[in-house]
């Protein structure tokens, strides 16, 4: 006599397979989210480096604009009427821009880069779609980056990097972008 699987045994196997496939999907979703966040961090690093390099190469002041409300990072080139959008944040966001003196959570924040590629030191607090927080700290004179997840380190690092170069200026969204 042939032995066959019962309906209960078949249902149990299907349930186990469903649980296993669900855990694989969740694991992949987390991995994809983490890689997107790391790619965004890389784009922000490259945006800062590109604007600094353009200032050094052209010998003309450049501006890096963080639109905290619109979720964008832009580059204002001299003589251009509107800034060039470099990074559009879709699933992650910049929560705040911090200098040694101020913190900005809304509006647009402009980082002025001198013709030598120098700026004030600043930090970006970035939040991923899975609510992971990370700080990108930029040394204004060298453009060197520091990464941390600890809020307490941000103030210490910024205070040690503070320079006498022009300060970040907040620009209200209704006033437009400061292009002078």
N, C-alpha and C. Protein backbone atom coordinates (compact mmCIF):
# COMPACT_ATOMS: atom_id res chain seq x y z
N UNK A 1 0.83 -1.15 0.00
CA UNK A 1 0.00 0.00 0.00
C UNK A 1 0.90 1.25 0.00
N UNK A 2 0.58 2.22 -0.84
CA UNK A 2 1.37 3.44 -0.95
C UNK A 2 1.01 4.40 0.17
N UNK A 3 2.06 5.00 0.72
CA UNK A 3 1.85 5.99 1.77
C UNK A 3 1.95 7.35 1.12
N UNK A 4 0.99 8.24 1.33
CA UNK A 4 0.97 9.60 0.78
C UNK A 4 0.95 10.59 1.93
N UNK A 5 1.29 11.84 1.60
CA UNK A 5 1.26 12.89 2.61
C UNK A 5 -0.19 13.28 2.88
N UNK A 6 -0.48 13.52 4.11
CA UNK A 6 -1.84 13.96 4.46
C UNK A 6 -1.95 15.45 4.21
N UNK A 7 -3.13 15.95 4.23
CA UNK A 7 -3.39 17.38 4.02
C UNK A 7 -2.73 18.21 5.12
N UNK A 8 -2.71 17.73 6.32
CA UNK A 8 -2.11 18.46 7.45
C UNK A 8 -0.59 18.52 7.28
N UNK A 9 0.02 17.44 6.86
CA UNK A 9 1.46 17.44 6.65
C UNK A 9 1.85 18.39 5.52
N UNK A 10 1.09 18.39 4.46
CA UNK A 10 1.35 19.30 3.34
C UNK A 10 1.19 20.75 3.77
N UNK A 11 0.14 21.05 4.53
CA UNK A 11 -0.10 22.41 5.02
C UNK A 11 1.03 22.86 5.95
N UNK A 12 1.55 21.95 6.78
CA UNK A 12 2.64 22.29 7.68
C UNK A 12 3.91 22.64 6.90
N UNK A 13 4.21 21.86 5.87
CA UNK A 13 5.38 22.13 5.04
C UNK A 13 5.23 23.48 4.34
N UNK A 14 4.06 23.78 3.81
CA UNK A 14 3.82 25.06 3.14
C UNK A 14 3.97 26.22 4.12
N UNK A 15 3.47 26.06 5.34
CA UNK A 15 3.59 27.12 6.36
C UNK A 15 5.05 27.37 6.71
N UNK A 16 5.83 26.30 6.85
CA UNK A 16 7.26 26.45 7.16
C UNK A 16 7.98 27.15 6.02
N UNK A 17 7.69 26.77 4.80
CA UNK A 17 8.30 27.43 3.63
C UNK A 17 7.91 28.90 3.56
N UNK A 18 6.67 29.21 3.89
CA UNK A 18 6.23 30.61 3.88
C UNK A 18 6.98 31.43 4.93
N UNK A 19 7.18 30.88 6.11
CA UNK A 19 7.94 31.56 7.16
C UNK A 19 9.39 31.78 6.75
N UNK A 20 9.99 30.78 6.17
CA UNK A 20 11.38 30.91 5.73
C UNK A 20 11.53 31.95 4.62
N UNK A 21 10.63 31.92 3.66
CA UNK A 21 10.71 32.89 2.56
C UNK A 21 10.43 34.30 3.07
N UNK A 22 9.54 34.45 4.04
CA UNK A 22 9.27 35.76 4.63
C UNK A 22 10.48 36.32 5.34
N UNK A 23 11.20 35.48 6.05
CA UNK A 23 12.41 35.96 6.75
C UNK A 23 13.50 36.35 5.76
N UNK A 24 13.59 35.63 4.64
CA UNK A 24 14.57 35.99 3.61
C UNK A 24 14.23 37.35 3.01
N UNK A 25 12.97 37.59 2.72
CA UNK A 25 12.55 38.87 2.15
C UNK A 25 12.85 40.01 3.11
N UNK A 26 12.54 39.83 4.39
CA UNK A 26 12.83 40.87 5.38
C UNK A 26 14.32 41.13 5.49
N UNK A 27 15.10 40.08 5.45
CA UNK A 27 16.54 40.23 5.53
C UNK A 27 17.08 41.00 4.32
N UNK A 28 16.58 40.68 3.14
CA UNK A 28 17.01 41.39 1.93
C UNK A 28 16.57 42.84 1.94
N UNK A 29 15.37 43.12 2.44
CA UNK A 29 14.87 44.49 2.50
C UNK A 29 15.77 45.33 3.41
N UNK A 30 16.19 44.77 4.54
CA UNK A 30 17.08 45.50 5.45
C UNK A 30 18.43 45.76 4.78
N UNK A 31 18.94 44.78 4.07
CA UNK A 31 20.22 44.92 3.38
C UNK A 31 20.14 45.99 2.30
N UNK A 32 19.06 45.99 1.54
CA UNK A 32 18.88 47.00 0.50
C UNK A 32 18.78 48.39 1.12
N UNK A 33 18.03 48.53 2.20
CA UNK A 33 17.90 49.81 2.89
C UNK A 33 19.25 50.30 3.39
N UNK A 34 20.04 49.42 3.97
CA UNK A 34 21.36 49.79 4.48
C UNK A 34 22.28 50.24 3.35
N UNK A 35 22.24 49.53 2.21
CA UNK A 35 23.09 49.91 1.08
C UNK A 35 22.66 51.24 0.47
N UNK A 36 21.37 51.50 0.41
CA UNK A 36 20.89 52.80 -0.08
C UNK A 36 21.38 53.92 0.82
N UNK A 37 21.33 53.70 2.12
CA UNK A 37 21.79 54.71 3.07
C UNK A 37 23.28 54.96 2.91
N UNK A 38 24.06 53.92 2.76
CA UNK A 38 25.50 54.08 2.55
C UNK A 38 25.78 54.80 1.23
N UNK A 39 25.00 54.52 0.20
CA UNK A 39 25.16 55.21 -1.09
C UNK A 39 24.84 56.70 -0.94
N UNK A 40 23.81 57.03 -0.16
CA UNK A 40 23.48 58.43 0.09
C UNK A 40 24.63 59.12 0.82
N UNK A 41 25.18 58.48 1.83
CA UNK A 41 26.31 59.07 2.56
C UNK A 41 27.48 59.33 1.62
N UNK A 42 27.73 58.42 0.71
CA UNK A 42 28.79 58.58 -0.28
C UNK A 42 28.49 59.76 -1.20
N UNK A 43 27.23 59.91 -1.62
CA UNK A 43 26.85 61.03 -2.49
C UNK A 43 27.04 62.37 -1.78
N UNK A 44 26.70 62.44 -0.50
CA UNK A 44 26.89 63.68 0.25
C UNK A 44 28.37 64.02 0.37
N UNK A 45 29.18 63.02 0.61
CA UNK A 45 30.63 63.22 0.68
C UNK A 45 31.16 63.72 -0.66
N UNK A 46 30.72 63.12 -1.75
CA UNK A 46 31.17 63.53 -3.07
C UNK A 46 30.69 64.94 -3.43
N UNK A 47 29.48 65.30 -3.01
CA UNK A 47 28.96 66.65 -3.28
C UNK A 47 29.85 67.69 -2.63
N UNK A 48 30.22 67.48 -1.38
CA UNK A 48 31.10 68.42 -0.69
C UNK A 48 32.45 68.51 -1.41
N UNK A 49 33.01 67.37 -1.74
CA UNK A 49 34.30 67.36 -2.42
C UNK A 49 34.26 68.02 -3.79
N UNK A 50 33.17 67.82 -4.51
CA UNK A 50 33.04 68.41 -5.85
C UNK A 50 32.98 69.94 -5.78
N UNK A 51 32.21 70.46 -4.84
CA UNK A 51 32.09 71.92 -4.71
C UNK A 51 33.42 72.52 -4.27
N UNK A 52 34.10 71.87 -3.33
CA UNK A 52 35.42 72.36 -2.90
C UNK A 52 36.42 72.34 -4.06
N UNK A 53 36.40 71.26 -4.83
CA UNK A 53 37.30 71.14 -5.97
C UNK A 53 37.02 72.19 -7.03
N UNK A 54 35.74 72.47 -7.27
CA UNK A 54 35.37 73.49 -8.26
C UNK A 54 35.83 74.87 -7.80
N UNK A 55 35.72 75.14 -6.50
CA UNK A 55 36.18 76.43 -5.98
C UNK A 55 37.69 76.58 -6.17
N UNK A 56 38.43 75.53 -5.85
CA UNK A 56 39.89 75.58 -6.01
C UNK A 56 40.30 75.72 -7.47
N UNK A 57 39.63 74.95 -8.34
CA UNK A 57 40.00 74.97 -9.75
C UNK A 57 39.65 76.29 -10.42
N UNK A 58 38.49 76.83 -10.10
CA UNK A 58 38.06 78.08 -10.75
C UNK A 58 38.59 79.32 -10.05
N UNK A 59 38.96 79.18 -8.78
CA UNK A 59 39.41 80.35 -8.03
C UNK A 59 38.26 81.28 -7.69
N UNK A 60 37.03 80.74 -7.71
CA UNK A 60 35.83 81.53 -7.44
C UNK A 60 35.04 80.87 -6.33
N UNK A 61 34.44 81.71 -5.49
CA UNK A 61 33.62 81.21 -4.39
C UNK A 61 32.45 80.36 -4.91
N UNK A 62 32.19 79.24 -4.26
CA UNK A 62 31.10 78.34 -4.61
C UNK A 62 30.22 78.14 -3.37
N UNK A 63 28.99 77.67 -3.58
CA UNK A 63 28.09 77.43 -2.46
C UNK A 63 27.48 76.04 -2.54
N UNK A 64 27.44 75.39 -1.40
CA UNK A 64 26.76 74.11 -1.26
C UNK A 64 25.52 74.39 -0.41
N UNK A 65 24.34 74.07 -0.95
CA UNK A 65 23.08 74.42 -0.29
C UNK A 65 22.37 73.14 0.15
N UNK A 66 22.01 73.09 1.42
CA UNK A 66 21.24 71.99 1.97
C UNK A 66 19.82 72.47 2.18
N UNK A 67 18.89 71.99 1.38
CA UNK A 67 17.47 72.33 1.51
C UNK A 67 16.84 71.29 2.44
N UNK A 68 16.74 71.61 3.71
CA UNK A 68 16.28 70.64 4.70
C UNK A 68 14.80 70.32 4.53
N UNK A 69 14.00 71.29 4.10
CA UNK A 69 12.57 71.05 3.91
C UNK A 69 12.29 70.29 2.61
N UNK A 70 13.04 70.59 1.56
CA UNK A 70 12.82 69.96 0.26
C UNK A 70 13.61 68.67 0.06
N UNK A 71 14.51 68.36 1.00
CA UNK A 71 15.28 67.13 0.90
C UNK A 71 16.22 67.10 -0.29
N UNK A 72 16.96 68.17 -0.48
CA UNK A 72 17.87 68.23 -1.62
C UNK A 72 19.19 68.88 -1.21
N UNK A 73 20.24 68.54 -1.95
CA UNK A 73 21.55 69.17 -1.80
C UNK A 73 21.87 69.77 -3.16
N UNK A 74 22.19 71.07 -3.16
CA UNK A 74 22.40 71.78 -4.42
C UNK A 74 23.73 72.51 -4.42
N UNK A 75 24.15 72.85 -5.63
CA UNK A 75 25.41 73.57 -5.84
C UNK A 75 25.08 74.86 -6.58
N UNK A 76 25.37 75.99 -5.94
CA UNK A 76 25.16 77.29 -6.58
C UNK A 76 26.48 77.75 -7.16
N UNK A 77 26.52 77.81 -8.48
CA UNK A 77 27.71 78.27 -9.17
C UNK A 77 27.57 79.76 -9.45
N UNK A 78 28.67 80.50 -9.39
CA UNK A 78 28.61 81.93 -9.67
C UNK A 78 28.09 82.19 -11.08
N UNK A 79 27.22 83.17 -11.20
CA UNK A 79 26.68 83.54 -12.50
C UNK A 79 25.49 82.73 -12.94
N UNK A 80 25.17 81.65 -12.24
CA UNK A 80 24.01 80.83 -12.58
C UNK A 80 22.80 81.33 -11.80
N UNK A 81 21.66 81.37 -12.46
CA UNK A 81 20.46 81.91 -11.81
C UNK A 81 19.87 80.94 -10.79
N UNK A 82 20.00 79.66 -11.02
CA UNK A 82 19.44 78.70 -10.06
C UNK A 82 20.48 77.63 -9.76
N UNK A 83 20.40 77.07 -8.57
CA UNK A 83 21.39 76.05 -8.19
C UNK A 83 21.17 74.73 -8.90
N UNK A 84 22.25 73.98 -9.03
CA UNK A 84 22.23 72.65 -9.64
C UNK A 84 21.93 71.62 -8.54
N UNK A 85 20.90 70.82 -8.76
CA UNK A 85 20.54 69.78 -7.79
C UNK A 85 21.53 68.63 -7.91
N UNK A 86 22.24 68.33 -6.83
CA UNK A 86 23.25 67.28 -6.83
C UNK A 86 22.72 65.98 -6.23
N UNK A 87 21.97 66.09 -5.14
CA UNK A 87 21.45 64.91 -4.44
C UNK A 87 20.00 65.19 -4.08
N UNK A 88 19.13 64.24 -4.39
CA UNK A 88 17.73 64.31 -3.98
C UNK A 88 17.49 63.19 -2.97
N UNK A 89 17.12 63.56 -1.77
CA UNK A 89 16.88 62.57 -0.73
C UNK A 89 15.43 62.11 -0.83
N UNK A 90 15.23 60.84 -1.10
CA UNK A 90 13.86 60.34 -1.25
C UNK A 90 13.42 59.54 -0.02
N UNK A 91 14.22 58.62 0.43
CA UNK A 91 13.83 57.78 1.56
C UNK A 91 14.55 58.18 2.84
N UNK A 92 15.68 58.80 2.73
CA UNK A 92 16.42 59.29 3.90
C UNK A 92 16.27 60.79 3.96
N UNK A 93 16.74 61.39 5.07
CA UNK A 93 16.67 62.84 5.16
C UNK A 93 17.78 63.39 6.04
N UNK A 94 18.09 64.65 5.79
CA UNK A 94 19.04 65.37 6.63
C UNK A 94 18.21 66.03 7.71
N UNK A 95 18.42 65.62 8.96
CA UNK A 95 17.64 66.17 10.07
C UNK A 95 18.10 67.55 10.47
N UNK A 96 19.42 67.76 10.44
CA UNK A 96 19.94 69.06 10.82
C UNK A 96 21.34 69.28 10.29
N UNK A 97 21.68 70.56 10.18
CA UNK A 97 23.03 70.99 9.85
C UNK A 97 23.53 71.75 11.07
N UNK A 98 24.70 71.40 11.55
CA UNK A 98 25.23 71.98 12.78
C UNK A 98 26.61 72.56 12.52
N UNK A 99 26.85 73.75 13.07
CA UNK A 99 28.18 74.35 13.08
C UNK A 99 28.62 74.45 14.53
N UNK A 100 29.77 75.02 14.75
CA UNK A 100 30.24 75.18 16.13
C UNK A 100 29.33 76.14 16.90
N UNK A 101 28.62 77.02 16.18
CA UNK A 101 27.80 78.05 16.83
C UNK A 101 26.30 77.82 16.74
N UNK A 102 25.83 77.15 15.69
CA UNK A 102 24.39 77.06 15.44
C UNK A 102 23.98 75.69 14.96
N UNK A 103 22.65 75.45 15.07
CA UNK A 103 22.06 74.23 14.51
C UNK A 103 20.82 74.65 13.72
N UNK A 104 20.65 74.08 12.55
CA UNK A 104 19.52 74.38 11.68
C UNK A 104 18.73 73.10 11.42
N UNK A 105 17.42 73.14 11.67
CA UNK A 105 16.57 71.97 11.41
C UNK A 105 15.60 72.20 10.25
N UNK A 106 15.42 73.44 9.84
CA UNK A 106 14.49 73.76 8.75
C UNK A 106 15.11 74.78 7.82
N UNK A 107 14.46 74.97 6.68
CA UNK A 107 14.91 75.96 5.71
C UNK A 107 16.07 75.47 4.88
N UNK A 108 16.79 76.42 4.32
CA UNK A 108 17.96 76.12 3.51
C UNK A 108 19.19 76.65 4.21
N UNK A 109 20.24 75.89 4.18
CA UNK A 109 21.49 76.28 4.81
C UNK A 109 22.56 76.29 3.72
N UNK A 110 23.28 77.40 3.64
CA UNK A 110 24.29 77.58 2.61
C UNK A 110 25.68 77.49 3.21
N UNK A 111 26.50 76.64 2.65
CA UNK A 111 27.90 76.53 3.04
C UNK A 111 28.70 77.24 1.96
N UNK A 112 29.36 78.32 2.33
CA UNK A 112 30.19 79.07 1.39
C UNK A 112 31.58 78.45 1.34
N UNK A 113 32.05 78.17 0.12
CA UNK A 113 33.41 77.67 -0.08
C UNK A 113 34.22 78.79 -0.70
N UNK A 114 35.32 79.13 -0.06
CA UNK A 114 36.18 80.19 -0.56
C UNK A 114 36.85 79.75 -1.86
N UNK A 115 37.48 80.68 -2.58
CA UNK A 115 38.20 80.30 -3.80
C UNK A 115 39.29 79.25 -3.57
N UNK A 116 39.73 79.11 -2.32
CA UNK A 116 40.72 78.09 -1.98
C UNK A 116 40.07 76.77 -1.58
N UNK A 117 38.73 76.71 -1.58
CA UNK A 117 38.03 75.49 -1.21
C UNK A 117 37.81 75.34 0.28
N UNK A 118 37.98 76.43 1.03
CA UNK A 118 37.78 76.38 2.47
C UNK A 118 36.34 76.76 2.81
N UNK A 119 35.83 76.19 3.89
CA UNK A 119 34.51 76.56 4.40
C UNK A 119 34.56 76.48 5.91
N UNK A 120 33.46 76.83 6.52
CA UNK A 120 33.34 76.60 7.95
C UNK A 120 33.14 75.10 8.16
N UNK A 121 33.63 74.57 9.24
CA UNK A 121 33.37 73.17 9.57
C UNK A 121 31.90 73.01 9.90
N UNK A 122 31.33 71.90 9.46
CA UNK A 122 29.90 71.66 9.71
C UNK A 122 29.64 70.17 9.83
N UNK A 123 28.46 69.85 10.33
CA UNK A 123 28.05 68.46 10.48
C UNK A 123 26.63 68.29 9.98
N UNK A 124 26.36 67.15 9.36
CA UNK A 124 25.02 66.79 8.92
C UNK A 124 24.55 65.59 9.72
N UNK A 125 23.34 65.67 10.28
CA UNK A 125 22.75 64.50 10.90
C UNK A 125 21.80 63.89 9.88
N UNK A 126 22.07 62.65 9.50
CA UNK A 126 21.34 61.98 8.43
C UNK A 126 20.55 60.83 9.04
N UNK A 127 19.29 60.70 8.61
CA UNK A 127 18.45 59.61 9.08
C UNK A 127 18.03 58.74 7.90
N UNK A 128 18.21 57.43 8.05
CA UNK A 128 17.82 56.50 7.00
C UNK A 128 16.33 56.19 7.10
N UNK A 129 15.81 55.50 6.09
CA UNK A 129 14.40 55.13 6.10
C UNK A 129 14.09 54.16 7.24
N UNK A 130 15.09 53.46 7.74
CA UNK A 130 14.89 52.55 8.87
C UNK A 130 15.26 53.23 10.20
N UNK A 131 15.35 54.57 10.17
CA UNK A 131 15.60 55.42 11.35
C UNK A 131 16.99 55.25 11.95
N UNK A 132 17.94 54.81 11.15
CA UNK A 132 19.34 54.77 11.56
C UNK A 132 19.88 56.19 11.47
N UNK A 133 20.58 56.66 12.50
CA UNK A 133 21.14 58.00 12.51
C UNK A 133 22.66 57.94 12.36
N UNK A 134 23.17 58.90 11.58
CA UNK A 134 24.61 58.97 11.35
C UNK A 134 24.98 60.43 11.17
N UNK A 135 26.14 60.82 11.66
CA UNK A 135 26.66 62.17 11.50
C UNK A 135 27.81 62.18 10.51
N UNK A 136 27.77 63.14 9.59
CA UNK A 136 28.89 63.39 8.69
C UNK A 136 29.46 64.74 9.12
N UNK A 137 30.69 64.74 9.58
CA UNK A 137 31.34 65.97 10.05
C UNK A 137 32.42 66.32 9.04
N UNK A 138 32.39 67.59 8.57
CA UNK A 138 33.32 68.04 7.54
C UNK A 138 34.25 69.09 8.13
N UNK A 139 35.55 68.85 8.04
CA UNK A 139 36.54 69.83 8.48
C UNK A 139 36.64 70.89 7.39
N UNK A 140 36.36 72.13 7.75
CA UNK A 140 36.27 73.21 6.77
C UNK A 140 37.55 73.53 6.03
N UNK A 141 38.68 73.46 6.69
CA UNK A 141 39.93 73.80 6.02
C UNK A 141 40.44 72.70 5.10
N UNK A 142 40.30 71.47 5.51
CA UNK A 142 40.86 70.38 4.72
C UNK A 142 39.83 69.63 3.89
N UNK A 143 38.55 69.71 4.28
CA UNK A 143 37.52 68.93 3.61
C UNK A 143 37.50 67.48 4.08
N UNK A 144 38.32 67.17 5.09
CA UNK A 144 38.36 65.80 5.62
C UNK A 144 37.04 65.49 6.31
N UNK A 145 36.58 64.25 6.16
CA UNK A 145 35.31 63.84 6.76
C UNK A 145 35.52 62.90 7.93
N UNK A 146 34.64 63.05 8.91
CA UNK A 146 34.58 62.17 10.06
C UNK A 146 33.15 61.64 10.13
N UNK A 147 33.00 60.37 10.44
CA UNK A 147 31.68 59.76 10.58
C UNK A 147 31.52 59.28 12.01
N UNK A 148 30.33 59.53 12.58
CA UNK A 148 30.05 59.05 13.93
C UNK A 148 28.55 58.83 14.09
N UNK A 149 28.21 58.04 15.07
CA UNK A 149 26.80 57.85 15.42
C UNK A 149 26.52 58.45 16.80
N UNK A 150 27.53 59.04 17.42
CA UNK A 150 27.41 59.58 18.77
C UNK A 150 27.22 61.10 18.74
N UNK A 151 26.10 61.56 19.25
CA UNK A 151 25.81 63.00 19.28
C UNK A 151 26.85 63.78 20.08
N UNK A 152 27.33 63.21 21.16
CA UNK A 152 28.26 63.92 22.03
C UNK A 152 29.59 64.22 21.33
N UNK A 153 29.99 63.40 20.39
CA UNK A 153 31.25 63.63 19.68
C UNK A 153 31.16 64.78 18.70
N UNK A 154 29.96 65.06 18.21
CA UNK A 154 29.81 66.08 17.17
C UNK A 154 30.25 67.44 17.68
N UNK A 155 29.75 67.89 18.84
CA UNK A 155 30.14 69.19 19.38
C UNK A 155 31.63 69.26 19.67
N UNK A 156 32.17 68.18 20.22
CA UNK A 156 33.61 68.16 20.53
C UNK A 156 34.44 68.31 19.27
N UNK A 157 34.08 67.58 18.23
CA UNK A 157 34.85 67.64 16.98
C UNK A 157 34.70 69.01 16.33
N UNK A 158 33.47 69.54 16.28
CA UNK A 158 33.26 70.85 15.66
C UNK A 158 34.00 71.95 16.41
N UNK A 159 34.00 71.89 17.73
CA UNK A 159 34.72 72.90 18.50
C UNK A 159 36.22 72.84 18.21
N UNK A 160 36.75 71.65 18.03
CA UNK A 160 38.17 71.53 17.74
C UNK A 160 38.50 71.97 16.31
N UNK A 161 37.51 71.91 15.40
CA UNK A 161 37.74 72.29 14.01
C UNK A 161 37.39 73.75 13.72
N UNK A 162 36.79 74.44 14.69
CA UNK A 162 36.28 75.79 14.45
C UNK A 162 37.38 76.70 13.91
N UNK A 163 37.01 77.47 12.88
CA UNK A 163 37.98 78.37 12.26
C UNK A 163 37.40 79.78 12.19
N UNK A 164 38.15 80.71 11.66
CA UNK A 164 37.70 82.09 11.53
C UNK A 164 37.16 82.40 10.13
N UNK A 165 36.86 81.36 9.36
CA UNK A 165 36.31 81.57 8.02
C UNK A 165 34.85 81.97 8.10
N UNK A 166 34.25 82.44 7.01
CA UNK A 166 32.85 82.88 7.03
C UNK A 166 31.92 81.80 7.57
N UNK A 167 30.92 82.23 8.30
CA UNK A 167 29.97 81.34 8.94
C UNK A 167 28.89 80.89 7.96
N UNK A 168 28.24 79.76 8.28
CA UNK A 168 27.07 79.32 7.51
C UNK A 168 25.97 80.35 7.69
N UNK A 169 25.19 80.56 6.65
CA UNK A 169 24.08 81.49 6.76
C UNK A 169 22.79 80.77 6.44
N UNK A 170 21.79 80.97 7.29
CA UNK A 170 20.48 80.36 7.04
C UNK A 170 19.75 81.21 6.02
N UNK A 171 19.12 80.57 5.06
CA UNK A 171 18.35 81.26 4.04
C UNK A 171 16.92 80.76 4.16
N UNK A 172 15.98 81.67 4.32
CA UNK A 172 14.58 81.28 4.43
C UNK A 172 14.08 80.82 3.07
N UNK A 173 13.26 79.75 3.01
CA UNK A 173 12.78 79.24 1.72
C UNK A 173 12.03 80.27 0.90
N UNK A 174 11.26 81.17 1.54
CA UNK A 174 10.49 82.13 0.77
C UNK A 174 11.35 83.26 0.19
N UNK A 175 12.59 83.39 0.68
CA UNK A 175 13.47 84.44 0.17
C UNK A 175 14.28 83.97 -1.04
N UNK A 176 14.29 82.70 -1.30
CA UNK A 176 15.11 82.18 -2.42
C UNK A 176 16.51 81.89 -1.93
N UNK A 177 17.40 81.65 -2.87
CA UNK A 177 18.76 81.28 -2.53
C UNK A 177 19.67 82.48 -2.67
N UNK A 178 20.60 82.59 -1.73
CA UNK A 178 21.56 83.68 -1.71
C UNK A 178 22.64 83.38 -2.75
N UNK A 179 22.62 84.13 -3.84
CA UNK A 179 23.55 83.83 -4.94
C UNK A 179 24.64 84.87 -5.07
N UNK A 180 24.84 85.74 -4.08
CA UNK A 180 25.88 86.75 -4.23
C UNK A 180 27.23 86.27 -3.86
